[in-house]
Amino acid sequence: MQKIKRFLLIGIIISILFSSLMVITAEEMTAEEIINQRDNNEYIESIKAEAEMIIVSGGRRITKTMLILSDKKSALIEFTNPGDRGTKFLKREDNLYMFFPDAEETIEASPHMLNQGMMGSDFSFQDIMESDKLTDLYDFKI
């Protein structure tokens, strides 16, 4: 029992020391350095993903599945669930193109559509289709 208490005490002391070092390091960093570190850890240059979006509205639950391809400048979302299969959204720079298989035509949407809810969800096209670094979008200060 005495050994367990000793190891526990040593573990707590080591944790406190490392926590203190991390606080000191964080205090020395500028706001931009902190956000740069976050961007480096979380920013994705390109991605291919299968996703599921569940929309709950008025007691109804709607599931949409999609394939997402994205890089720095463009993104493509293709819906794969039965009700929307083949519906595609392409974003290039600030342009949004929509393809609906029933209409068999591609429509270029106005730029304000990027801020509108996508397929009945609260997520905007911009939320889902952009992956800008925070340091490219904002200025940070502490």
N, C-alpha and C. Protein backbone atom coordinates (compact mmCIF):
# COMPACT_ATOMS: atom_id res chain seq x y z
N MET A 1 0.83 -1.19 0.00
CA MET A 1 0.00 0.00 0.00
C MET A 1 0.87 1.25 0.00
N GLN A 2 1.97 1.19 0.75
CA GLN A 2 2.89 2.32 0.85
C GLN A 2 3.52 2.63 -0.51
N LYS A 3 3.85 1.57 -1.29
CA LYS A 3 4.44 1.76 -2.62
C LYS A 3 3.45 2.44 -3.56
N ILE A 4 2.19 2.05 -3.48
CA ILE A 4 1.17 2.65 -4.33
C ILE A 4 1.03 4.13 -4.03
N LYS A 5 1.02 4.50 -2.75
CA LYS A 5 0.93 5.91 -2.37
C LYS A 5 2.14 6.68 -2.88
N ARG A 6 3.32 6.07 -2.79
CA ARG A 6 4.55 6.72 -3.24
C ARG A 6 4.49 6.97 -4.76
N PHE A 7 4.08 5.94 -5.54
CA PHE A 7 3.98 6.10 -6.98
C PHE A 7 2.92 7.13 -7.35
N LEU A 8 1.82 7.14 -6.63
CA LEU A 8 0.76 8.12 -6.86
C LEU A 8 1.27 9.53 -6.60
N LEU A 9 2.00 9.71 -5.51
CA LEU A 9 2.57 11.01 -5.17
C LEU A 9 3.57 11.46 -6.22
N ILE A 10 4.43 10.56 -6.66
CA ILE A 10 5.41 10.89 -7.71
C ILE A 10 4.69 11.27 -9.00
N GLY A 11 3.64 10.53 -9.35
CA GLY A 11 2.86 10.85 -10.55
C GLY A 11 2.22 12.22 -10.48
N ILE A 12 1.68 12.56 -9.33
CA ILE A 12 1.05 13.88 -9.14
C ILE A 12 2.10 14.98 -9.26
N ILE A 13 3.25 14.80 -8.66
CA ILE A 13 4.32 15.80 -8.72
C ILE A 13 4.79 16.00 -10.16
N ILE A 14 4.99 14.91 -10.89
CA ILE A 14 5.41 15.02 -12.29
C ILE A 14 4.34 15.74 -13.11
N SER A 15 3.08 15.42 -12.88
CA SER A 15 1.99 16.09 -13.61
C SER A 15 1.98 17.59 -13.33
N ILE A 16 2.17 17.97 -12.09
CA ILE A 16 2.20 19.39 -11.72
C ILE A 16 3.37 20.09 -12.40
N LEU A 17 4.54 19.45 -12.41
CA LEU A 17 5.72 20.06 -13.06
C LEU A 17 5.48 20.27 -14.54
N PHE A 18 4.95 19.25 -15.24
CA PHE A 18 4.69 19.39 -16.66
C PHE A 18 3.62 20.44 -16.93
N SER A 19 2.59 20.50 -16.10
CA SER A 19 1.55 21.52 -16.25
C SER A 19 2.14 22.91 -16.09
N SER A 20 3.03 23.08 -15.13
CA SER A 20 3.68 24.38 -14.91
C SER A 20 4.50 24.78 -16.12
N LEU A 21 5.24 23.83 -16.69
CA LEU A 21 6.05 24.13 -17.87
C LEU A 21 5.17 24.52 -19.04
N MET A 22 4.04 23.85 -19.21
CA MET A 22 3.13 24.17 -20.31
C MET A 22 2.54 25.55 -20.15
N VAL A 23 2.20 25.96 -18.94
CA VAL A 23 1.64 27.29 -18.68
C VAL A 23 2.68 28.35 -18.99
N ILE A 24 3.92 28.12 -18.56
CA ILE A 24 4.99 29.08 -18.83
C ILE A 24 5.19 29.23 -20.34
N THR A 25 5.21 28.11 -21.07
CA THR A 25 5.38 28.16 -22.52
C THR A 25 4.22 28.89 -23.18
N ALA A 26 3.00 28.62 -22.76
CA ALA A 26 1.83 29.28 -23.35
C ALA A 26 1.84 30.77 -23.09
N GLU A 27 2.32 31.20 -21.91
CA GLU A 27 2.36 32.62 -21.59
C GLU A 27 3.36 33.36 -22.47
N GLU A 28 4.39 32.68 -22.93
CA GLU A 28 5.41 33.31 -23.75
C GLU A 28 5.00 33.39 -25.21
N MET A 29 3.98 32.65 -25.62
CA MET A 29 3.56 32.63 -27.02
C MET A 29 2.62 33.81 -27.31
N THR A 30 2.72 34.32 -28.54
CA THR A 30 1.78 35.36 -28.96
C THR A 30 0.48 34.68 -29.40
N ALA A 31 -0.56 35.49 -29.56
CA ALA A 31 -1.85 34.95 -30.01
C ALA A 31 -1.71 34.28 -31.37
N GLU A 32 -0.96 34.92 -32.27
CA GLU A 32 -0.79 34.36 -33.61
C GLU A 32 -0.03 33.03 -33.57
N GLU A 33 0.96 32.92 -32.69
CA GLU A 33 1.70 31.66 -32.56
C GLU A 33 0.80 30.54 -32.05
N ILE A 34 -0.07 30.86 -31.12
CA ILE A 34 -1.00 29.85 -30.58
C ILE A 34 -1.94 29.37 -31.69
N ILE A 35 -2.49 30.30 -32.46
CA ILE A 35 -3.42 29.94 -33.54
C ILE A 35 -2.68 29.22 -34.66
N ASN A 36 -1.44 29.63 -34.96
CA ASN A 36 -0.64 28.91 -35.96
C ASN A 36 -0.45 27.46 -35.55
N GLN A 37 -0.18 27.24 -34.27
CA GLN A 37 0.00 25.87 -33.77
C GLN A 37 -1.31 25.09 -33.93
N ARG A 38 -2.44 25.72 -33.65
CA ARG A 38 -3.74 25.08 -33.84
C ARG A 38 -3.96 24.75 -35.31
N ASP A 39 -3.67 25.72 -36.20
CA ASP A 39 -3.82 25.49 -37.63
C ASP A 39 -2.95 24.34 -38.10
N ASN A 40 -1.71 24.28 -37.62
CA ASN A 40 -0.80 23.21 -38.03
C ASN A 40 -1.31 21.85 -37.58
N ASN A 41 -1.98 21.80 -36.44
CA ASN A 41 -2.50 20.53 -35.93
C ASN A 41 -3.81 20.11 -36.59
N GLU A 42 -4.63 21.08 -37.02
CA GLU A 42 -5.97 20.74 -37.48
C GLU A 42 -6.25 21.04 -38.95
N TYR A 43 -5.41 21.82 -39.63
CA TYR A 43 -5.68 22.19 -41.02
C TYR A 43 -5.41 21.00 -41.94
N ILE A 44 -6.31 20.76 -42.85
CA ILE A 44 -6.19 19.65 -43.78
C ILE A 44 -6.03 20.21 -45.19
N GLU A 45 -4.96 19.81 -45.88
CA GLU A 45 -4.71 20.29 -47.25
C GLU A 45 -5.73 19.71 -48.23
N SER A 46 -6.02 18.42 -48.09
CA SER A 46 -7.02 17.79 -48.94
C SER A 46 -7.64 16.63 -48.17
N ILE A 47 -8.86 16.28 -48.59
CA ILE A 47 -9.58 15.23 -47.86
C ILE A 47 -10.53 14.50 -48.79
N LYS A 48 -10.70 13.23 -48.52
CA LYS A 48 -11.74 12.43 -49.15
C LYS A 48 -12.44 11.73 -47.99
N ALA A 49 -13.75 11.93 -47.89
CA ALA A 49 -14.47 11.38 -46.74
C ALA A 49 -15.88 10.97 -47.12
N GLU A 50 -16.38 9.98 -46.42
CA GLU A 50 -17.80 9.64 -46.48
C GLU A 50 -18.40 10.15 -45.18
N ALA A 51 -19.51 10.86 -45.28
CA ALA A 51 -20.10 11.48 -44.09
C ALA A 51 -21.60 11.20 -44.04
N GLU A 52 -22.11 11.34 -42.83
CA GLU A 52 -23.54 11.20 -42.60
C GLU A 52 -24.01 12.43 -41.84
N MET A 53 -25.08 13.04 -42.32
CA MET A 53 -25.64 14.21 -41.66
C MET A 53 -27.07 13.86 -41.25
N ILE A 54 -27.36 14.00 -39.97
CA ILE A 54 -28.70 13.71 -39.46
C ILE A 54 -29.37 15.04 -39.13
N ILE A 55 -30.47 15.31 -39.79
CA ILE A 55 -31.21 16.56 -39.60
C ILE A 55 -32.47 16.24 -38.81
N VAL A 56 -32.63 16.90 -37.67
CA VAL A 56 -33.82 16.72 -36.84
C VAL A 56 -34.61 18.02 -36.91
N SER A 57 -35.83 17.92 -37.42
CA SER A 57 -36.66 19.12 -37.60
C SER A 57 -38.12 18.74 -37.40
N GLY A 58 -38.78 19.46 -36.50
CA GLY A 58 -40.20 19.22 -36.27
C GLY A 58 -40.52 17.78 -35.89
N GLY A 59 -39.65 17.16 -35.13
CA GLY A 59 -39.87 15.78 -34.71
C GLY A 59 -39.49 14.75 -35.76
N ARG A 60 -39.10 15.21 -36.94
CA ARG A 60 -38.66 14.28 -38.00
C ARG A 60 -37.15 14.16 -37.97
N ARG A 61 -36.68 13.00 -38.36
CA ARG A 61 -35.25 12.72 -38.41
C ARG A 61 -34.91 12.30 -39.84
N ILE A 62 -34.08 13.10 -40.51
CA ILE A 62 -33.72 12.83 -41.90
C ILE A 62 -32.21 12.56 -41.95
N THR A 63 -31.83 11.45 -42.57
CA THR A 63 -30.41 11.10 -42.68
C THR A 63 -29.96 11.29 -44.12
N LYS A 64 -28.90 12.04 -44.29
CA LYS A 64 -28.30 12.27 -45.60
C LYS A 64 -26.87 11.72 -45.54
N THR A 65 -26.49 10.97 -46.57
CA THR A 65 -25.12 10.47 -46.65
C THR A 65 -24.46 11.11 -47.85
N MET A 66 -23.15 11.28 -47.76
CA MET A 66 -22.46 12.00 -48.82
C MET A 66 -21.00 11.59 -48.93
N LEU A 67 -20.44 11.85 -50.09
CA LEU A 67 -19.02 11.70 -50.35
C LEU A 67 -18.47 13.11 -50.48
N ILE A 68 -17.39 13.41 -49.78
CA ILE A 68 -16.81 14.76 -49.80
C ILE A 68 -15.38 14.67 -50.30
N LEU A 69 -15.05 15.47 -51.30
CA LEU A 69 -13.69 15.63 -51.80
C LEU A 69 -13.35 17.10 -51.68
N SER A 70 -12.22 17.42 -51.09
CA SER A 70 -11.91 18.83 -50.88
C SER A 70 -10.40 19.06 -50.89
N ASP A 71 -10.00 20.21 -51.41
CA ASP A 71 -8.62 20.66 -51.29
C ASP A 71 -8.64 22.15 -50.95
N LYS A 72 -7.52 22.83 -51.11
CA LYS A 72 -7.43 24.24 -50.69
C LYS A 72 -8.42 25.15 -51.41
N LYS A 73 -8.65 24.93 -52.70
CA LYS A 73 -9.42 25.87 -53.51
C LYS A 73 -10.81 25.38 -53.91
N SER A 74 -11.06 24.08 -53.81
CA SER A 74 -12.35 23.58 -54.28
C SER A 74 -12.84 22.42 -53.42
N ALA A 75 -14.14 22.17 -53.53
CA ALA A 75 -14.75 21.07 -52.78
C ALA A 75 -15.92 20.52 -53.58
N LEU A 76 -16.10 19.22 -53.49
CA LEU A 76 -17.21 18.55 -54.16
C LEU A 76 -17.94 17.69 -53.14
N ILE A 77 -19.24 17.83 -53.09
CA ILE A 77 -20.07 16.98 -52.23
C ILE A 77 -21.07 16.28 -53.14
N GLU A 78 -21.11 14.95 -53.04
CA GLU A 78 -22.09 14.17 -53.79
C GLU A 78 -22.93 13.38 -52.79
N PHE A 79 -24.23 13.58 -52.83
CA PHE A 79 -25.12 12.88 -51.92
C PHE A 79 -25.36 11.47 -52.42
N THR A 80 -25.33 10.52 -51.47
CA THR A 80 -25.45 9.10 -51.82
C THR A 80 -26.68 8.43 -51.22
N ASN A 81 -27.43 9.14 -50.38
CA ASN A 81 -28.65 8.54 -49.81
C ASN A 81 -29.72 8.46 -50.90
N PRO A 82 -30.63 7.48 -50.81
CA PRO A 82 -31.60 7.24 -51.89
C PRO A 82 -32.38 8.47 -52.35
N GLY A 83 -32.87 9.30 -51.46
CA GLY A 83 -33.69 10.44 -51.86
C GLY A 83 -32.94 11.54 -52.59
N ASP A 84 -31.63 11.62 -52.38
CA ASP A 84 -30.83 12.70 -52.98
C ASP A 84 -29.69 12.18 -53.85
N ARG A 85 -29.65 10.87 -54.09
CA ARG A 85 -28.54 10.27 -54.82
C ARG A 85 -28.26 11.02 -56.13
N GLY A 86 -26.99 11.37 -56.31
CA GLY A 86 -26.58 12.05 -57.54
C GLY A 86 -26.59 13.56 -57.45
N THR A 87 -27.20 14.13 -56.41
CA THR A 87 -27.17 15.58 -56.22
C THR A 87 -25.74 15.97 -55.85
N LYS A 88 -25.21 16.98 -56.54
CA LYS A 88 -23.81 17.37 -56.32
C LYS A 88 -23.70 18.87 -56.13
N PHE A 89 -22.76 19.25 -55.28
CA PHE A 89 -22.43 20.65 -55.08
C PHE A 89 -20.93 20.79 -55.28
N LEU A 90 -20.54 21.72 -56.14
CA LEU A 90 -19.13 21.98 -56.40
C LEU A 90 -18.84 23.43 -56.04
N LYS A 91 -17.82 23.63 -55.22
CA LYS A 91 -17.39 24.98 -54.87
C LYS A 91 -15.98 25.16 -55.41
N ARG A 92 -15.81 26.18 -56.24
CA ARG A 92 -14.49 26.56 -56.76
C ARG A 92 -14.30 28.03 -56.43
N GLU A 93 -13.25 28.30 -55.64
CA GLU A 93 -13.03 29.66 -55.16
C GLU A 93 -14.31 30.14 -54.47
N ASP A 94 -14.93 31.21 -54.97
CA ASP A 94 -16.16 31.73 -54.37
C ASP A 94 -17.41 31.39 -55.18
N ASN A 95 -17.29 30.45 -56.10
CA ASN A 95 -18.42 30.06 -56.95
C ASN A 95 -18.99 28.72 -56.50
N LEU A 96 -20.32 28.64 -56.49
CA LEU A 96 -21.00 27.41 -56.10
C LEU A 96 -21.84 26.93 -57.28
N TYR A 97 -21.64 25.66 -57.65
CA TYR A 97 -22.39 25.03 -58.72
C TYR A 97 -23.19 23.88 -58.13
N MET A 98 -24.43 23.74 -58.59
CA MET A 98 -25.31 22.69 -58.09
C MET A 98 -25.79 21.85 -59.26
N PHE A 99 -25.77 20.53 -59.06
CA PHE A 99 -26.29 19.61 -60.08
C PHE A 99 -27.36 18.75 -59.44
N PHE A 100 -28.55 18.78 -60.05
CA PHE A 100 -29.67 17.97 -59.58
C PHE A 100 -29.99 16.97 -60.69
N PRO A 101 -29.87 15.67 -60.42
CA PRO A 101 -30.03 14.67 -61.48
C PRO A 101 -31.41 14.69 -62.15
N ASP A 102 -32.46 15.03 -61.41
CA ASP A 102 -33.80 15.08 -62.02
C ASP A 102 -33.88 16.15 -63.09
N ALA A 103 -33.22 17.28 -62.88
CA ALA A 103 -33.25 18.38 -63.84
C ALA A 103 -32.20 18.19 -64.93
N GLU A 104 -31.22 17.34 -64.68
CA GLU A 104 -30.12 17.07 -65.61
C GLU A 104 -29.44 18.34 -66.09
N GLU A 105 -29.24 19.27 -65.17
CA GLU A 105 -28.51 20.48 -65.53
C GLU A 105 -27.73 21.00 -64.33
N THR A 106 -26.70 21.76 -64.65
CA THR A 106 -25.88 22.37 -63.61
C THR A 106 -26.29 23.83 -63.48
N ILE A 107 -26.46 24.27 -62.25
CA ILE A 107 -26.88 25.64 -61.97
C ILE A 107 -25.78 26.33 -61.19
N GLU A 108 -25.42 27.54 -61.62
CA GLU A 108 -24.47 28.33 -60.84
C GLU A 108 -25.27 29.18 -59.85
N ALA A 109 -24.97 29.01 -58.59
CA ALA A 109 -25.69 29.73 -57.54
C ALA A 109 -25.04 31.08 -57.30
N SER A 110 -25.82 32.03 -56.80
CA SER A 110 -25.26 33.33 -56.46
C SER A 110 -24.39 33.18 -55.20
N PRO A 111 -23.37 34.04 -55.05
CA PRO A 111 -22.42 33.91 -53.94
C PRO A 111 -23.06 33.89 -52.55
N HIS A 112 -24.19 34.58 -52.37
CA HIS A 112 -24.81 34.59 -51.03
C HIS A 112 -25.32 33.21 -50.62
N MET A 113 -25.50 32.30 -51.58
CA MET A 113 -25.96 30.94 -51.28
C MET A 113 -24.94 30.18 -50.42
N LEU A 114 -23.67 30.59 -50.47
CA LEU A 114 -22.65 29.92 -49.66
C LEU A 114 -22.96 30.01 -48.17
N ASN A 115 -23.72 31.03 -47.78
CA ASN A 115 -24.06 31.22 -46.37
C ASN A 115 -25.42 30.62 -46.00
N GLN A 116 -26.10 30.02 -46.95
CA GLN A 116 -27.42 29.44 -46.70
C GLN A 116 -27.30 28.00 -46.20
N GLY A 117 -28.33 27.52 -45.53
CA GLY A 117 -28.36 26.15 -45.04
C GLY A 117 -28.33 25.15 -46.19
N MET A 118 -27.55 24.09 -46.02
CA MET A 118 -27.41 23.09 -47.06
C MET A 118 -28.37 21.93 -46.83
N MET A 119 -29.21 21.65 -47.81
CA MET A 119 -30.11 20.50 -47.81
C MET A 119 -30.98 20.44 -46.56
N GLY A 120 -31.46 21.60 -46.09
CA GLY A 120 -32.35 21.64 -44.94
C GLY A 120 -31.66 21.59 -43.59
N SER A 121 -30.33 21.69 -43.57
CA SER A 121 -29.60 21.64 -42.30
C SER A 121 -29.25 23.05 -41.84
N ASP A 122 -28.67 23.14 -40.64
CA ASP A 122 -28.19 24.43 -40.13
C ASP A 122 -26.78 24.73 -40.62
N PHE A 123 -26.12 23.77 -41.25
CA PHE A 123 -24.78 23.98 -41.79
C PHE A 123 -24.88 24.71 -43.12
N SER A 124 -24.07 25.76 -43.28
CA SER A 124 -24.04 26.45 -44.56
C SER A 124 -23.09 25.70 -45.50
N PHE A 125 -23.21 25.99 -46.79
CA PHE A 125 -22.28 25.41 -47.75
C PHE A 125 -20.85 25.78 -47.37
N GLN A 126 -20.67 27.01 -46.93
CA GLN A 126 -19.36 27.50 -46.53
C GLN A 126 -18.82 26.71 -45.33
N ASP A 127 -19.67 26.42 -44.36
CA ASP A 127 -19.24 25.64 -43.19
C ASP A 127 -18.65 24.30 -43.62
N ILE A 128 -19.31 23.64 -44.54
CA ILE A 128 -18.92 22.29 -44.91
C ILE A 128 -17.84 22.26 -45.98
N MET A 129 -17.83 23.25 -46.86
CA MET A 129 -16.96 23.17 -48.03
C MET A 129 -15.68 23.98 -47.93
N GLU A 130 -15.45 24.69 -46.85
CA GLU A 130 -14.23 25.48 -46.73
C GLU A 130 -13.37 24.97 -45.61
N SER A 131 -12.07 25.14 -45.78
CA SER A 131 -11.13 24.70 -44.75
C SER A 131 -9.98 25.70 -44.62
N ASP A 132 -10.32 26.98 -44.59
CA ASP A 132 -9.29 28.00 -44.47
C ASP A 132 -8.62 27.93 -43.10
N LYS A 133 -7.36 28.30 -43.08
CA LYS A 133 -6.66 28.42 -41.80
C LYS A 133 -7.22 29.65 -41.08
N LEU A 134 -7.33 29.56 -39.77
CA LEU A 134 -7.85 30.70 -39.00
C LEU A 134 -6.96 31.92 -39.16
N THR A 135 -5.65 31.72 -39.29
CA THR A 135 -4.73 32.86 -39.44
C THR A 135 -4.91 33.55 -40.79
N ASP A 136 -5.51 32.87 -41.77
CA ASP A 136 -5.80 33.52 -43.05
C ASP A 136 -7.09 34.33 -42.98
N LEU A 137 -7.93 34.07 -41.99
CA LEU A 137 -9.23 34.72 -41.90
C LEU A 137 -9.29 35.86 -40.89
N TYR A 138 -8.50 35.76 -39.81
CA TYR A 138 -8.63 36.70 -38.70
C TYR A 138 -7.27 37.19 -38.22
N ASP A 139 -7.29 38.31 -37.49
CA ASP A 139 -6.12 38.80 -36.76
C ASP A 139 -6.35 38.50 -35.29
N PHE A 140 -5.33 38.01 -34.61
CA PHE A 140 -5.48 37.60 -33.21
C PHE A 140 -4.62 38.44 -32.29
N LYS A 141 -5.17 38.75 -31.13
CA LYS A 141 -4.45 39.49 -30.09
C LYS A 141 -4.84 38.91 -28.74
N ILE A 142 -3.90 38.99 -27.81
CA ILE A 142 -4.19 38.56 -26.43
C ILE A 142 -4.33 39.80 -25.58
